[in-house]
Amino acid sequence: MLVHFALLILYFVLALINRILRLGCLDKIINYLGSYLFWNGFIRLYMELYQGLCVASILNTYTADDDLNSPFQWVEACYYCRILGMYLIITMPILFLVPLYCMKRD
């Protein structure tokens, strides 16, 4: 999923550069990367991993209910990272689909 997220960032950077500089050679790369990210690879990867990641992050947060009372600061930091990770996993469909809708609308 991190590779897909990095490819998504690369896709938007290339699309921005292409809109500013109007380079024709980037169109083929942007189209290929967009079709892979948003339809072929993205859907398959997300269907396989999304439910497992959601359940694992929720169970991990549920079982670590006493981490906030720990005397160690790194345990508390891990708890907040866990909450942030769960939030990102749950909002990931919105983060992918809204830019896709905006790009296809243009």
N, C-alpha and C. Protein backbone atom coordinates (compact mmCIF):
# COMPACT_ATOMS: atom_id res chain seq x y z
N MET A 1 0.82 -1.19 0.00
CA MET A 1 0.00 0.00 0.00
C MET A 1 0.86 1.25 0.00
N LEU A 2 2.01 1.17 0.63
CA LEU A 2 2.89 2.34 0.62
C LEU A 2 3.42 2.64 -0.77
N VAL A 3 3.67 1.60 -1.54
CA VAL A 3 4.12 1.81 -2.92
C VAL A 3 3.01 2.46 -3.74
N HIS A 4 1.79 2.02 -3.53
CA HIS A 4 0.67 2.64 -4.24
C HIS A 4 0.50 4.10 -3.82
N PHE A 5 0.69 4.38 -2.57
CA PHE A 5 0.59 5.76 -2.11
C PHE A 5 1.71 6.62 -2.72
N ALA A 6 2.92 6.07 -2.80
CA ALA A 6 4.03 6.79 -3.43
C ALA A 6 3.77 6.99 -4.92
N LEU A 7 3.20 5.98 -5.58
CA LEU A 7 2.85 6.13 -7.00
C LEU A 7 1.74 7.15 -7.20
N LEU A 8 0.82 7.23 -6.25
CA LEU A 8 -0.23 8.24 -6.33
C LEU A 8 0.35 9.65 -6.24
N ILE A 9 1.29 9.84 -5.34
CA ILE A 9 1.95 11.14 -5.22
C ILE A 9 2.71 11.46 -6.51
N LEU A 10 3.42 10.47 -7.06
CA LEU A 10 4.14 10.66 -8.31
C LEU A 10 3.17 11.00 -9.44
N TYR A 11 2.02 10.36 -9.48
CA TYR A 11 1.02 10.63 -10.50
C TYR A 11 0.55 12.08 -10.45
N PHE A 12 0.25 12.58 -9.23
CA PHE A 12 -0.23 13.95 -9.12
C PHE A 12 0.86 14.97 -9.40
N VAL A 13 2.09 14.67 -9.04
CA VAL A 13 3.20 15.57 -9.35
C VAL A 13 3.41 15.65 -10.87
N LEU A 14 3.39 14.50 -11.53
CA LEU A 14 3.54 14.49 -12.99
C LEU A 14 2.38 15.18 -13.68
N ALA A 15 1.16 14.99 -13.18
CA ALA A 15 0.00 15.67 -13.76
C ALA A 15 0.10 17.17 -13.58
N LEU A 16 0.59 17.61 -12.44
CA LEU A 16 0.77 19.04 -12.20
C LEU A 16 1.83 19.62 -13.11
N ILE A 17 2.94 18.92 -13.25
CA ILE A 17 4.01 19.38 -14.15
C ILE A 17 3.51 19.42 -15.59
N ASN A 18 2.71 18.44 -15.97
CA ASN A 18 2.19 18.39 -17.33
C ASN A 18 1.20 19.52 -17.59
N ARG A 19 0.41 19.88 -16.60
CA ARG A 19 -0.52 21.01 -16.77
C ARG A 19 0.20 22.35 -16.86
N ILE A 20 1.29 22.48 -16.13
CA ILE A 20 2.02 23.75 -16.15
C ILE A 20 2.87 23.88 -17.40
N LEU A 21 3.66 22.85 -17.72
CA LEU A 21 4.62 22.92 -18.82
C LEU A 21 4.08 22.40 -20.15
N ARG A 22 2.97 21.68 -20.11
CA ARG A 22 2.35 21.11 -21.31
C ARG A 22 3.33 20.27 -22.13
N LEU A 23 3.94 19.30 -21.47
CA LEU A 23 4.86 18.39 -22.13
C LEU A 23 4.08 17.20 -22.67
N GLY A 24 4.18 16.96 -23.95
CA GLY A 24 3.44 15.86 -24.57
C GLY A 24 3.99 14.50 -24.21
N CYS A 25 5.26 14.43 -23.88
CA CYS A 25 5.86 13.12 -23.58
C CYS A 25 5.37 12.56 -22.24
N LEU A 26 4.83 13.39 -21.38
CA LEU A 26 4.34 12.91 -20.08
C LEU A 26 2.94 12.33 -20.17
N ASP A 27 2.21 12.61 -21.23
CA ASP A 27 0.83 12.13 -21.34
C ASP A 27 0.74 10.62 -21.30
N LYS A 28 1.61 9.95 -22.01
CA LYS A 28 1.58 8.49 -22.04
C LYS A 28 1.89 7.89 -20.67
N ILE A 29 2.87 8.47 -19.98
CA ILE A 29 3.24 8.00 -18.64
C ILE A 29 2.10 8.24 -17.65
N ILE A 30 1.49 9.41 -17.72
CA ILE A 30 0.40 9.75 -16.80
C ILE A 30 -0.80 8.85 -17.05
N ASN A 31 -1.13 8.61 -18.31
CA ASN A 31 -2.26 7.73 -18.62
C ASN A 31 -2.02 6.30 -18.16
N TYR A 32 -0.82 5.78 -18.39
CA TYR A 32 -0.50 4.42 -17.96
C TYR A 32 -0.52 4.31 -16.44
N LEU A 33 0.11 5.27 -15.77
CA LEU A 33 0.15 5.25 -14.31
C LEU A 33 -1.25 5.41 -13.72
N GLY A 34 -2.05 6.28 -14.31
CA GLY A 34 -3.42 6.48 -13.83
C GLY A 34 -4.28 5.25 -14.01
N SER A 35 -4.16 4.59 -15.16
CA SER A 35 -4.97 3.38 -15.36
C SER A 35 -4.54 2.26 -14.41
N TYR A 36 -3.25 2.18 -14.13
CA TYR A 36 -2.81 1.15 -13.17
C TYR A 36 -3.27 1.49 -11.76
N LEU A 37 -3.08 2.72 -11.34
CA LEU A 37 -3.40 3.09 -9.96
C LEU A 37 -4.89 3.01 -9.67
N PHE A 38 -5.70 3.54 -10.55
CA PHE A 38 -7.11 3.71 -10.21
C PHE A 38 -7.99 2.55 -10.63
N TRP A 39 -7.54 1.69 -11.52
CA TRP A 39 -8.42 0.61 -11.95
C TRP A 39 -7.76 -0.75 -11.81
N ASN A 40 -6.70 -1.02 -12.48
CA ASN A 40 -6.16 -2.38 -12.52
C ASN A 40 -5.56 -2.80 -11.18
N GLY A 41 -4.47 -2.20 -10.79
CA GLY A 41 -3.77 -2.61 -9.59
C GLY A 41 -4.43 -2.16 -8.31
N PHE A 42 -5.00 -0.98 -8.34
CA PHE A 42 -5.57 -0.41 -7.13
C PHE A 42 -6.76 -1.22 -6.61
N ILE A 43 -7.67 -1.54 -7.49
CA ILE A 43 -8.87 -2.26 -7.05
C ILE A 43 -8.51 -3.64 -6.52
N ARG A 44 -7.64 -4.34 -7.23
CA ARG A 44 -7.26 -5.68 -6.77
C ARG A 44 -6.55 -5.63 -5.42
N LEU A 45 -5.58 -4.73 -5.30
CA LEU A 45 -4.85 -4.61 -4.04
C LEU A 45 -5.75 -4.18 -2.90
N TYR A 46 -6.59 -3.23 -3.16
CA TYR A 46 -7.43 -2.71 -2.09
C TYR A 46 -8.47 -3.73 -1.64
N MET A 47 -9.02 -4.48 -2.57
CA MET A 47 -9.99 -5.51 -2.18
C MET A 47 -9.33 -6.59 -1.34
N GLU A 48 -8.08 -6.90 -1.61
CA GLU A 48 -7.40 -7.95 -0.86
C GLU A 48 -6.95 -7.49 0.52
N LEU A 49 -6.57 -6.25 0.64
CA LEU A 49 -5.95 -5.79 1.88
C LEU A 49 -6.83 -4.94 2.79
N TYR A 50 -7.82 -4.29 2.25
CA TYR A 50 -8.54 -3.29 3.02
C TYR A 50 -9.25 -3.87 4.24
N GLN A 51 -10.01 -4.91 4.06
CA GLN A 51 -10.76 -5.46 5.19
C GLN A 51 -9.83 -6.01 6.26
N GLY A 52 -8.77 -6.69 5.86
CA GLY A 52 -7.81 -7.21 6.83
C GLY A 52 -7.11 -6.11 7.61
N LEU A 53 -6.75 -5.03 6.92
CA LEU A 53 -6.10 -3.91 7.60
C LEU A 53 -7.04 -3.21 8.57
N CYS A 54 -8.30 -3.05 8.19
CA CYS A 54 -9.26 -2.41 9.09
C CYS A 54 -9.48 -3.25 10.36
N VAL A 55 -9.69 -4.53 10.18
CA VAL A 55 -9.92 -5.40 11.34
C VAL A 55 -8.68 -5.45 12.23
N ALA A 56 -7.50 -5.56 11.63
CA ALA A 56 -6.27 -5.62 12.42
C ALA A 56 -6.04 -4.32 13.19
N SER A 57 -6.29 -3.18 12.57
CA SER A 57 -6.05 -1.92 13.27
C SER A 57 -7.07 -1.69 14.38
N ILE A 58 -8.31 -2.09 14.16
CA ILE A 58 -9.32 -1.94 15.21
C ILE A 58 -9.03 -2.87 16.39
N LEU A 59 -8.66 -4.12 16.10
CA LEU A 59 -8.31 -5.05 17.19
C LEU A 59 -7.07 -4.61 17.94
N ASN A 60 -6.10 -4.07 17.22
CA ASN A 60 -4.88 -3.60 17.85
C ASN A 60 -5.17 -2.43 18.78
N THR A 61 -6.04 -1.54 18.37
CA THR A 61 -6.41 -0.41 19.22
C THR A 61 -7.25 -0.88 20.41
N TYR A 62 -8.12 -1.83 20.19
CA TYR A 62 -8.98 -2.32 21.27
C TYR A 62 -8.17 -3.04 22.35
N THR A 63 -7.18 -3.82 21.96
CA THR A 63 -6.41 -4.59 22.94
C THR A 63 -5.38 -3.73 23.66
N ALA A 64 -5.09 -2.56 23.17
CA ALA A 64 -4.08 -1.69 23.78
C ALA A 64 -4.74 -0.56 24.55
N ASP A 65 -5.76 -0.88 25.35
CA ASP A 65 -6.50 0.17 26.05
C ASP A 65 -5.73 0.78 27.21
N ASP A 66 -4.73 0.12 27.73
CA ASP A 66 -3.98 0.68 28.86
C ASP A 66 -2.66 1.32 28.44
N ASP A 67 -2.45 1.52 27.14
CA ASP A 67 -1.20 2.14 26.68
C ASP A 67 -1.07 3.60 27.09
N LEU A 68 -2.18 4.27 27.29
CA LEU A 68 -2.11 5.68 27.69
C LEU A 68 -1.65 5.82 29.14
N ASN A 69 -1.78 4.78 29.95
CA ASN A 69 -1.36 4.83 31.35
C ASN A 69 0.05 4.30 31.55
N SER A 70 0.76 4.03 30.49
CA SER A 70 2.11 3.47 30.58
C SER A 70 3.10 4.55 31.02
N PRO A 71 4.09 4.20 31.83
CA PRO A 71 5.10 5.19 32.22
C PRO A 71 6.09 5.51 31.10
N PHE A 72 6.06 4.76 30.02
CA PHE A 72 6.99 4.98 28.91
C PHE A 72 6.35 5.85 27.84
N GLN A 73 7.09 6.85 27.38
CA GLN A 73 6.54 7.77 26.39
C GLN A 73 6.40 7.12 25.02
N TRP A 74 7.27 6.19 24.69
CA TRP A 74 7.19 5.57 23.37
C TRP A 74 5.96 4.71 23.22
N VAL A 75 5.46 4.15 24.34
CA VAL A 75 4.23 3.35 24.28
C VAL A 75 3.05 4.26 23.98
N GLU A 76 3.04 5.43 24.58
CA GLU A 76 1.99 6.40 24.31
C GLU A 76 2.08 6.91 22.86
N ALA A 77 3.29 7.12 22.38
CA ALA A 77 3.48 7.55 20.99
C ALA A 77 3.00 6.48 20.02
N CYS A 78 3.25 5.22 20.34
CA CYS A 78 2.77 4.12 19.49
C CYS A 78 1.25 4.08 19.46
N TYR A 79 0.62 4.39 20.59
CA TYR A 79 -0.83 4.41 20.64
C TYR A 79 -1.38 5.48 19.70
N TYR A 80 -0.80 6.67 19.73
CA TYR A 80 -1.27 7.74 18.86
C TYR A 80 -0.97 7.43 17.39
N CYS A 81 0.14 6.78 17.10
CA CYS A 81 0.43 6.35 15.72
C CYS A 81 -0.56 5.30 15.27
N ARG A 82 -0.97 4.45 16.17
CA ARG A 82 -1.97 3.43 15.85
C ARG A 82 -3.30 4.07 15.50
N ILE A 83 -3.71 5.08 16.25
CA ILE A 83 -4.95 5.79 15.98
C ILE A 83 -4.86 6.50 14.63
N LEU A 84 -3.73 7.14 14.36
CA LEU A 84 -3.52 7.82 13.08
C LEU A 84 -3.56 6.83 11.92
N GLY A 85 -2.93 5.68 12.10
CA GLY A 85 -2.96 4.64 11.07
C GLY A 85 -4.36 4.14 10.79
N MET A 86 -5.14 3.95 11.83
CA MET A 86 -6.52 3.50 11.66
C MET A 86 -7.33 4.56 10.92
N TYR A 87 -7.11 5.81 11.25
CA TYR A 87 -7.81 6.90 10.56
C TYR A 87 -7.44 6.93 9.08
N LEU A 88 -6.16 6.76 8.77
CA LEU A 88 -5.72 6.77 7.37
C LEU A 88 -6.28 5.59 6.59
N ILE A 89 -6.34 4.43 7.22
CA ILE A 89 -6.88 3.25 6.54
C ILE A 89 -8.36 3.43 6.23
N ILE A 90 -9.08 4.00 7.16
CA ILE A 90 -10.52 4.18 6.96
C ILE A 90 -10.81 5.26 5.93
N THR A 91 -10.01 6.32 5.89
CA THR A 91 -10.25 7.40 4.93
C THR A 91 -9.55 7.19 3.59
N MET A 92 -8.81 6.12 3.43
CA MET A 92 -8.08 5.88 2.19
C MET A 92 -8.98 5.84 0.95
N PRO A 93 -10.17 5.21 0.99
CA PRO A 93 -11.00 5.25 -0.22
C PRO A 93 -11.37 6.67 -0.65
N ILE A 94 -11.63 7.53 0.31
CA ILE A 94 -11.97 8.91 -0.03
C ILE A 94 -10.76 9.62 -0.62
N LEU A 95 -9.58 9.37 -0.05
CA LEU A 95 -8.37 10.02 -0.55
C LEU A 95 -8.02 9.59 -1.97
N PHE A 96 -8.44 8.41 -2.38
CA PHE A 96 -8.18 7.96 -3.74
C PHE A 96 -9.30 8.32 -4.70
N LEU A 97 -10.54 8.23 -4.28
CA LEU A 97 -11.66 8.40 -5.20
C LEU A 97 -11.98 9.86 -5.51
N VAL A 98 -11.82 10.76 -4.56
CA VAL A 98 -12.12 12.17 -4.82
C VAL A 98 -11.16 12.76 -5.87
N PRO A 99 -9.84 12.57 -5.76
CA PRO A 99 -8.97 13.07 -6.84
C PRO A 99 -9.25 12.40 -8.18
N LEU A 100 -9.61 11.13 -8.17
CA LEU A 100 -9.93 10.45 -9.42
C LEU A 100 -11.16 11.09 -10.06
N TYR A 101 -12.16 11.39 -9.28
CA TYR A 101 -13.35 12.03 -9.81
C TYR A 101 -13.03 13.41 -10.37
N CYS A 102 -12.19 14.16 -9.67
CA CYS A 102 -11.81 15.50 -10.15
C CYS A 102 -10.99 15.43 -11.44
N MET A 103 -10.11 14.44 -11.56
CA MET A 103 -9.28 14.31 -12.76
C MET A 103 -10.13 13.85 -13.95
N LYS A 104 -11.08 12.95 -13.74
CA LYS A 104 -11.91 12.45 -14.82
C LYS A 104 -12.94 13.49 -15.27
N ARG A 105 -13.33 14.39 -14.38
CA ARG A 105 -14.30 15.41 -14.70
C ARG A 105 -13.75 16.45 -15.65
N ASP A 106 -12.44 16.71 -15.55
CA ASP A 106 -11.83 17.73 -16.42
C ASP A 106 -11.76 17.31 -17.81
